[in-house]
Amino acid sequence: NNVTVNWRECNPEELLGILLKNDFTVESIRTAMGDCFPGTSPLLGAEAAAVDYQALARLRIHQPDTNREARRMPTDALQLFVLDDFMTAAECDEVIDISAKNLRSSTVTTGDRDQGYRTSSTCDLALLRDPFVKHIDRKISRALGIRLPYSEGIQAQRYEVGQEFKAHTDFFAPGTTEYANFASKGGNRTWTFMVFLNNVEQGGGTRFFAINTVLMPCKGTAVVWNNLHPDGTPNAQTVHAGLPVEKGHKII
């Protein structure tokens, strides 16, 4: 059903509070209310009020080191790009060497997953304060066109034979404990930037279910996607999985 609302006949602060309690995103409310949006309301919080999801959806993903444009996958279901040769072989090998010494068991943000849901190992690269890791972080930031302070700490993941990350999303669903813990102040996750650091002998692809596509590991290639719609609402069609490695190992 289509509903027409005269925003000027409502109390903007009261309306904002109602919409926020019902899990509407700040950006969707801003778009709907137009110049009636109370942008300085204390209900928003400084960080959430500043998120411009429309601008984040208009990023020009490109490869700054070679001036080669990223390839956008032919789908309207989500913004999904592939950047060939984003990292050099030497850069990949260096990150692999750094991460090998600092691996731990991977975790998920909810406690209700079965033990086989995510079975890789993780290295918290950002916590190492390694100059080379900072170089890679800056390279990712330039490619996306998003300043480093807006980035989560980067990680490396290692998958042995049989290990996987089953179907999941990278955003946090509004109204959940996850969202309250990780996104209520700074906003939801936007872009994911994943780089394959090695070639895998068999298996280990990343599957996007909505478009029935599997992207196979290729050393140095980056896969980049927006987890949200342009209005900031989660895009359920970004559900993806790290398929089990069948032979060799995978590092991203």
Protein backbone atom coordinates (compact mmCIF):
# COMPACT_ATOMS: atom_id res chain seq x y z
CA ASN A 1 0.00 0.00 0.00
CA ASN A 2 1.16 3.54 -0.74
CA VAL A 3 0.80 6.00 2.12
CA THR A 4 1.21 9.76 1.76
CA VAL A 5 2.35 11.64 4.85
CA ASN A 6 2.40 15.40 5.34
CA TRP A 7 5.56 15.64 7.43
CA ARG A 8 4.93 19.31 8.26
CA GLU A 9 1.81 18.39 10.27
CA CYS A 10 3.85 16.07 12.53
CA ASN A 11 6.23 16.80 15.38
CA PRO A 12 9.56 15.96 13.70
CA GLU A 13 11.29 14.92 16.93
CA GLU A 14 8.40 12.68 17.96
CA LEU A 15 8.16 11.12 14.50
CA LEU A 16 11.92 10.52 14.40
CA GLY A 17 11.76 8.71 17.72
CA ILE A 18 8.92 6.47 16.55
CA LEU A 19 10.69 5.54 13.31
CA LEU A 20 14.01 4.83 15.05
CA LYS A 21 12.26 2.57 17.57
CA ASN A 22 10.77 0.65 14.65
CA ASP A 23 14.23 0.03 13.14
CA PHE A 24 14.07 2.47 10.22
CA THR A 25 17.58 3.60 9.30
CA VAL A 26 18.61 7.21 9.77
CA GLU A 27 19.26 7.59 6.04
CA SER A 28 15.84 6.20 5.04
CA ILE A 29 14.16 8.61 7.49
CA ARG A 30 16.27 11.49 6.19
CA THR A 31 15.28 10.69 2.60
CA ALA A 32 11.57 10.44 3.42
CA MET A 33 11.34 13.58 5.57
CA GLY A 34 13.41 15.83 3.34
CA ASP A 35 13.85 19.33 4.74
CA CYS A 36 11.67 18.40 7.75
CA PHE A 37 14.34 15.99 8.99
CA PRO A 38 15.61 17.16 12.44
CA GLY A 39 19.29 16.68 11.66
CA THR A 40 20.48 18.10 14.98
CA SER A 41 18.23 15.93 17.13
CA PRO A 42 19.96 14.37 20.16
CA LEU A 43 18.10 11.15 19.28
CA LEU A 44 20.50 10.63 16.39
CA GLY A 45 23.84 10.80 18.11
CA ALA A 46 26.75 12.55 16.40
CA GLU A 47 28.06 9.48 14.56
CA ALA A 48 24.78 8.09 13.25
CA ALA A 49 23.60 11.50 12.08
CA ALA A 50 26.75 11.91 10.03
CA VAL A 51 26.44 8.70 7.97
CA ASP A 52 25.61 9.51 4.35
CA TYR A 53 24.67 6.13 2.88
CA GLN A 54 23.67 7.65 -0.44
CA ALA A 55 27.22 8.93 -0.92
CA LEU A 56 28.67 5.59 0.16
CA ALA A 57 26.64 3.85 -2.53
CA ARG A 58 28.08 6.16 -5.20
CA LEU A 59 31.74 5.31 -4.62
CA ARG A 60 33.86 4.98 -7.73
CA ILE A 61 35.65 1.71 -7.16
CA HIS A 62 38.86 1.72 -9.14
CA GLN A 63 42.45 0.49 -9.10
CA PRO A 64 44.58 3.54 -8.29
CA ASP A 65 47.94 1.87 -8.85
CA THR A 66 47.26 0.96 -12.48
CA ASN A 67 44.27 3.19 -13.29
CA ARG A 68 42.33 0.13 -14.34
CA GLU A 69 38.66 0.19 -13.50
CA ALA A 70 37.08 -2.56 -11.43
CA ARG A 71 34.74 -4.95 -13.20
CA ARG A 72 31.18 -4.69 -11.94
CA MET A 73 29.31 -7.98 -11.94
CA PRO A 74 26.27 -7.82 -14.26
CA THR A 75 23.52 -7.73 -11.66
CA ASP A 76 21.16 -5.23 -10.07
CA ALA A 77 20.80 -7.39 -6.96
CA LEU A 78 23.85 -5.85 -5.30
CA GLN A 79 26.89 -3.68 -5.97
CA LEU A 80 29.61 -6.26 -6.57
CA PHE A 81 33.02 -5.57 -8.11
CA VAL A 82 36.15 -7.55 -8.98
CA LEU A 83 39.59 -5.92 -9.14
CA ASP A 84 42.16 -8.11 -10.88
CA ASP A 85 45.75 -7.95 -9.61
CA PHE A 86 44.85 -5.54 -6.81
CA MET A 87 47.80 -6.80 -4.76
CA THR A 88 51.10 -7.99 -6.19
CA ALA A 89 52.37 -11.52 -5.54
CA ALA A 90 55.03 -10.09 -3.24
CA GLU A 91 52.44 -8.13 -1.24
CA CYS A 92 50.29 -11.23 -0.88
CA ASP A 93 53.25 -13.31 0.30
CA GLU A 94 54.23 -10.68 2.86
CA VAL A 95 50.75 -10.59 4.40
CA ILE A 96 50.66 -14.40 4.46
CA ASP A 97 54.00 -14.49 6.31
CA ILE A 98 52.87 -11.88 8.83
CA SER A 99 49.55 -13.57 9.52
CA ALA A 100 51.01 -17.09 9.85
CA LYS A 101 52.59 -16.21 13.19
CA ASN A 102 49.45 -14.71 14.74
CA LEU A 103 46.52 -17.02 14.00
CA ARG A 104 43.61 -17.80 16.32
CA SER A 105 40.34 -19.68 15.87
CA SER A 106 37.76 -17.60 13.98
CA THR A 107 34.61 -16.51 15.80
CA VAL A 108 31.15 -15.14 14.97
CA THR A 109 29.33 -12.24 16.61
CA THR A 110 26.44 -14.38 17.87
CA GLY A 111 26.70 -17.25 20.30
CA ASP A 112 24.03 -19.42 18.73
CA ARG A 113 26.00 -20.84 15.78
CA ASP A 114 26.94 -24.49 15.65
CA GLN A 115 30.64 -25.17 15.94
CA GLY A 116 31.00 -25.91 12.24
CA TYR A 117 29.54 -22.61 11.04
CA ARG A 118 32.88 -20.85 10.66
CA THR A 119 35.94 -23.03 10.90
CA SER A 120 38.81 -20.89 9.64
CA SER A 121 41.66 -19.26 11.55
CA THR A 122 41.97 -15.48 11.91
CA CYS A 123 44.85 -13.04 12.27
CA ASP A 124 43.94 -9.59 13.60
CA LEU A 125 46.33 -7.76 11.31
CA ALA A 126 45.31 -4.30 12.48
CA LEU A 127 46.36 -5.08 16.06
CA LEU A 128 49.93 -5.91 15.02
CA ARG A 129 50.76 -2.29 14.12
CA ASP A 130 53.02 -3.55 11.37
CA PRO A 131 54.12 -0.87 8.84
CA PHE A 132 53.46 -3.19 5.91
CA VAL A 133 49.94 -3.92 7.14
CA LYS A 134 49.34 -0.17 7.33
CA HIS A 135 50.52 0.10 3.71
CA ILE A 136 47.93 -2.48 2.64
CA ASP A 137 45.26 -0.75 4.71
CA ARG A 138 45.98 2.55 2.94
CA LYS A 139 45.90 0.82 -0.43
CA ILE A 140 42.44 -0.57 0.30
CA SER A 141 41.26 2.82 1.54
CA ARG A 142 42.42 4.54 -1.67
CA ALA A 143 40.78 1.92 -3.87
CA LEU A 144 37.44 2.34 -2.14
CA GLY A 145 37.64 6.09 -1.74
CA ILE A 146 36.79 5.89 1.97
CA ARG A 147 39.11 7.46 4.54
CA LEU A 148 40.96 5.11 6.88
CA PRO A 149 39.30 6.29 10.13
CA TYR A 150 36.02 4.81 8.86
CA SER A 151 37.50 1.33 8.42
CA GLU A 152 37.24 -1.62 10.75
CA GLY A 153 40.55 -3.25 11.61
CA ILE A 154 41.64 -5.53 8.77
CA GLN A 155 42.12 -9.27 9.28
CA ALA A 156 43.50 -12.29 7.48
CA GLN A 157 41.64 -15.61 7.32
CA ARG A 158 43.18 -19.03 6.65
CA TYR A 159 41.12 -22.04 5.55
CA GLU A 160 42.51 -25.59 5.55
CA VAL A 161 40.92 -28.56 3.75
CA GLY A 162 37.28 -28.90 4.79
CA GLN A 163 37.11 -25.52 6.47
CA GLU A 164 34.43 -23.01 5.45
CA PHE A 165 32.24 -20.07 6.42
CA LYS A 166 28.62 -21.02 5.80
CA ALA A 167 25.98 -18.67 4.35
CA HIS A 168 26.01 -15.33 6.15
CA THR A 169 25.78 -11.58 5.69
CA ASP A 170 28.36 -8.96 6.66
CA PHE A 171 25.77 -6.44 7.88
CA PHE A 172 24.01 -6.45 11.24
CA ALA A 173 20.22 -6.82 11.16
CA PRO A 174 18.48 -3.87 12.88
CA GLY A 175 16.65 -4.85 16.04
CA THR A 176 19.07 -7.65 16.93
CA THR A 177 21.55 -7.90 19.78
CA GLU A 178 24.33 -7.85 17.18
CA TYR A 179 23.14 -4.52 15.82
CA ALA A 180 22.89 -3.02 19.31
CA ASN A 181 26.40 -4.18 20.18
CA PHE A 182 28.21 -3.34 16.95
CA ALA A 183 26.23 -0.81 14.89
CA SER A 184 23.89 1.27 17.03
CA LYS A 185 26.34 4.19 17.36
CA GLY A 186 28.48 4.21 14.22
CA GLY A 187 25.99 2.79 11.74
CA ASN A 188 25.93 -0.52 9.91
CA ARG A 189 28.75 -2.09 7.94
CA THR A 190 28.89 -0.75 4.41
CA TRP A 191 31.50 -2.15 1.99
CA THR A 192 33.38 -5.43 2.30
CA PHE A 193 36.81 -5.53 0.65
CA MET A 194 38.20 -9.07 0.37
CA VAL A 195 41.48 -10.04 -1.30
CA PHE A 196 42.48 -13.58 -2.28
CA LEU A 197 46.09 -13.96 -1.14
CA ASN A 198 46.82 -17.31 -2.81
CA ASN A 199 45.62 -19.69 -5.50
CA VAL A 200 43.71 -22.69 -4.17
CA GLU A 201 44.21 -26.12 -5.71
CA GLN A 202 40.54 -27.03 -5.43
CA GLY A 203 37.42 -25.53 -3.83
CA GLY A 204 37.34 -22.50 -1.55
CA GLY A 205 35.29 -20.18 -3.77
CA THR A 206 33.07 -17.38 -2.50
CA ARG A 207 29.45 -17.98 -3.44
CA PHE A 208 26.84 -15.24 -3.78
CA PHE A 209 23.52 -17.04 -3.60
CA ALA A 210 21.22 -14.35 -5.02
CA ILE A 211 23.07 -14.32 -8.35
CA ASN A 212 24.16 -17.99 -8.32
CA THR A 213 27.80 -17.00 -8.77
CA VAL A 214 30.98 -18.48 -7.33
CA LEU A 215 34.15 -16.38 -7.46
CA MET A 216 37.18 -18.65 -7.31
CA PRO A 217 40.38 -17.65 -5.48
CA CYS A 218 42.96 -15.96 -7.68
CA LYS A 219 46.07 -14.57 -6.01
CA GLY A 220 45.95 -10.78 -5.70
CA THR A 221 42.34 -10.40 -6.88
CA ALA A 222 39.97 -8.31 -4.75
CA VAL A 223 36.22 -8.86 -4.45
CA VAL A 224 34.32 -5.81 -3.23
CA TRP A 225 30.64 -5.39 -2.41
CA ASN A 226 28.20 -3.05 -0.69
CA ASN A 227 26.26 -4.80 2.07
CA LEU A 228 23.55 -2.13 2.07
CA HIS A 229 21.03 -0.50 -0.24
CA PRO A 230 21.61 3.17 -1.12
CA ASP A 231 19.18 4.23 1.64
CA GLY A 232 21.27 2.40 4.25
CA THR A 233 18.94 -0.56 4.74
CA PRO A 234 20.54 -4.03 4.71
CA ASN A 235 20.65 -5.81 1.35
CA ALA A 236 19.59 -9.40 2.02
CA GLN A 237 20.82 -10.39 -1.44
CA THR A 238 24.41 -10.04 -0.25
CA VAL A 239 24.21 -13.43 1.50
CA HIS A 240 27.41 -15.28 0.66
CA ALA A 241 29.53 -18.19 1.82
CA GLY A 242 33.16 -19.22 1.86
CA LEU A 243 32.90 -22.70 0.35
CA PRO A 244 34.94 -25.57 1.82
CA VAL A 245 38.52 -25.95 0.63
CA GLU A 246 38.86 -29.34 -1.07
CA LYS A 247 42.59 -29.40 -1.74
CA GLY A 248 45.39 -27.12 -0.53
CA HIS A 249 44.49 -24.09 1.60
CA LYS A 250 43.00 -20.62 1.19
CA ILE A 251 44.11 -17.31 2.68
CA ILE A 252 42.15 -14.05 2.30
